[in-house]
Protein backbone atom coordinates (compact mmCIF):
# COMPACT_ATOMS: atom_id res chain seq x y z
CA MET A 1 -61.17 -63.27 -78.51
CA ASP A 2 -58.53 -62.85 -75.56
CA PRO A 3 -59.28 -64.96 -73.00
CA GLU A 4 -58.33 -62.11 -70.87
CA LYS A 5 -61.73 -60.37 -71.68
CA LEU A 6 -63.89 -63.61 -71.64
CA VAL A 7 -64.88 -63.08 -67.72
CA PHE A 8 -65.12 -59.98 -65.94
CA HIS A 9 -67.08 -57.68 -63.45
CA GLU A 10 -69.34 -54.70 -64.10
CA ASP A 11 -66.61 -52.65 -62.11
CA ASP A 12 -63.86 -53.29 -64.21
CA CYS A 13 -65.94 -51.66 -66.67
CA GLN A 14 -66.25 -48.00 -66.38
CA GLU A 15 -69.15 -46.40 -66.30
CA LYS A 16 -70.52 -42.84 -68.11
CA ASP A 17 -72.77 -40.07 -67.35
CA PHE A 18 -75.21 -39.59 -70.05
CA PRO A 19 -79.00 -37.98 -70.00
CA GLY A 20 -80.96 -39.45 -67.50
CA ARG A 21 -78.61 -42.81 -66.80
CA LYS A 22 -75.45 -43.66 -66.05
CA LEU A 23 -74.42 -46.33 -68.60
CA ARG A 24 -71.73 -48.71 -68.68
CA TRP A 25 -70.73 -50.65 -72.16
CA LEU A 26 -70.19 -54.38 -70.55
CA ILE A 27 -70.21 -55.84 -74.41
CA LYS A 28 -68.81 -54.21 -77.02
CA PRO A 29 -66.70 -55.44 -80.31
CA ASP A 30 -63.67 -52.95 -79.70
CA ILE A 31 -63.74 -53.83 -75.95
CA THR A 32 -64.43 -57.77 -75.77
CA GLY A 33 -63.68 -58.26 -79.68
CA ASN A 34 -67.27 -60.61 -79.83
CA GLU A 35 -68.46 -59.80 -83.29
CA HIS A 36 -72.25 -60.19 -83.14
CA CYS A 37 -73.57 -58.24 -80.13
CA SER A 38 -73.07 -55.19 -77.41
CA VAL A 39 -74.22 -55.50 -74.03
CA ASN A 40 -74.20 -52.05 -71.64
CA MET A 41 -76.07 -51.90 -68.13
CA VAL A 42 -78.06 -48.53 -67.33
CA ARG A 43 -78.66 -46.85 -63.63
CA LEU A 44 -81.08 -44.34 -63.22
CA VAL A 45 -81.87 -42.20 -59.82
CA PRO A 46 -85.57 -42.62 -59.18
CA GLY A 47 -87.97 -39.82 -61.74
CA SER A 48 -85.28 -40.19 -64.17
CA VAL A 49 -85.82 -40.15 -67.83
CA VAL A 50 -83.54 -41.29 -70.51
CA THR A 51 -83.11 -38.23 -72.99
CA PRO A 52 -83.82 -38.00 -75.64
CA ALA A 53 -85.76 -40.55 -76.80
CA HIS A 54 -83.70 -42.42 -79.39
CA SER A 55 -84.03 -45.66 -82.11
CA HIS A 56 -81.42 -47.59 -83.52
CA PRO A 57 -82.05 -47.91 -87.66
CA GLU A 58 -80.91 -51.52 -88.42
CA GLU A 59 -80.02 -53.15 -84.18
CA GLU A 60 -82.24 -55.23 -82.47
CA GLU A 61 -82.48 -54.31 -78.58
CA VAL A 62 -83.95 -55.84 -75.00
CA ILE A 63 -83.63 -54.86 -72.37
CA TYR A 64 -83.91 -56.49 -68.86
CA ILE A 65 -85.00 -54.69 -65.72
CA LEU A 66 -82.62 -56.62 -63.04
CA GLN A 67 -83.76 -53.61 -60.25
CA GLY A 68 -86.62 -51.36 -59.74
CA GLN A 69 -90.01 -50.34 -61.35
CA GLY A 70 -90.93 -47.64 -64.05
CA GLU A 71 -92.33 -47.07 -67.43
CA VAL A 72 -91.03 -47.94 -70.83
CA LEU A 73 -92.35 -45.78 -74.35
CA ILE A 74 -92.26 -47.05 -77.66
CA ASP A 75 -93.79 -46.16 -80.27
CA ASP A 76 -95.74 -43.18 -78.52
CA ARG A 77 -97.17 -46.85 -76.03
CA VAL A 78 -96.31 -46.90 -72.64
CA TYR A 79 -95.50 -50.06 -70.77
CA GLN A 80 -94.99 -50.98 -67.38
CA LEU A 81 -91.63 -52.29 -66.00
CA ARG A 82 -91.04 -54.18 -63.14
CA THR A 83 -87.43 -56.37 -61.95
CA GLY A 84 -87.84 -59.28 -64.39
CA SER A 85 -89.19 -57.42 -67.38
CA VAL A 86 -88.45 -57.76 -70.48
CA ALA A 87 -88.74 -55.26 -73.51
CA ILE A 88 -88.17 -55.58 -76.81
CA PHE A 89 -87.26 -52.29 -79.47
CA PRO A 90 -87.69 -53.55 -82.95
CA PRO A 91 -85.44 -51.68 -85.61
CA LYS A 92 -86.56 -47.69 -85.77
CA SER A 93 -88.48 -47.98 -83.20
CA VAL A 94 -88.45 -44.74 -81.04
CA HIS A 95 -88.03 -45.34 -77.04
CA MET A 96 -87.32 -43.96 -73.91
CA LEU A 97 -86.90 -45.66 -69.98
CA LYS A 98 -88.01 -43.59 -67.04
CA ASN A 99 -88.40 -44.44 -62.94
CA SER A 100 -90.82 -43.77 -61.65
CA ASP A 101 -89.37 -45.86 -58.49
CA LYS A 102 -88.48 -44.43 -55.00
CA GLY A 103 -84.63 -46.48 -55.46
CA GLU A 104 -82.45 -46.71 -58.79
CA MET A 105 -83.66 -48.59 -61.54
CA LYS A 106 -80.59 -51.04 -62.82
CA VAL A 107 -81.64 -52.32 -66.74
CA LEU A 108 -79.30 -54.60 -69.16
CA CYS A 109 -79.70 -53.85 -72.69
CA PHE A 110 -78.24 -56.05 -75.59
CA PHE A 111 -78.02 -55.05 -78.82
CA SER A 112 -77.98 -57.89 -82.04
CA PRO A 113 -76.05 -56.50 -84.19
CA ALA A 114 -73.69 -54.71 -82.15
CA ALA A 115 -74.17 -51.22 -81.55
CA ASP A 116 -72.49 -48.43 -79.45
CA THR A 117 -74.08 -44.99 -78.63
CA SER A 118 -72.80 -42.99 -81.82
CA MET A 119 -75.17 -45.08 -83.36
CA TYR A 120 -78.70 -44.14 -82.10
CA GLN A 121 -80.94 -41.81 -84.06
CA PHE A 122 -81.99 -38.98 -81.75
CA HIS A 123 -85.59 -37.77 -81.53
CA GLU A 124 -84.87 -34.47 -79.63
CA GLU A 125 -88.97 -34.11 -80.68
CA THR A 126 -90.45 -37.31 -78.42
CA ARG A 127 -91.22 -36.63 -74.46
CA PHE A 128 -92.90 -38.74 -72.13
CA PRO A 129 -96.17 -39.05 -71.41
CA GLU A 130 -97.29 -37.60 -68.48
């Protein structure tokens, strides 16, 4: 592993626009050379929903809410989230995130084994309950 990639700042990572969020891959095998996990950070503006709902065929995902509050849909059940909350998405679980706060929601997403957006399975038919 390249010693220059062991420590860095989130601003060093490219941010991309995705439906309902801005996403930065912080840790990924093709970026940092690690083997077993990946991490991204998403930012959601007030009222936004990560769309479409998606799942990960083999990967477990754990999210940690750094800032803000909202809701998460996991397999047809809605859970409340706030700063400091943790949510676990087992492999194959259909999930989506909603920012119901007045400010930005900032979330760290951990994947094991490593994943990237090309591995997501999308569920266009799933909607966040009103």
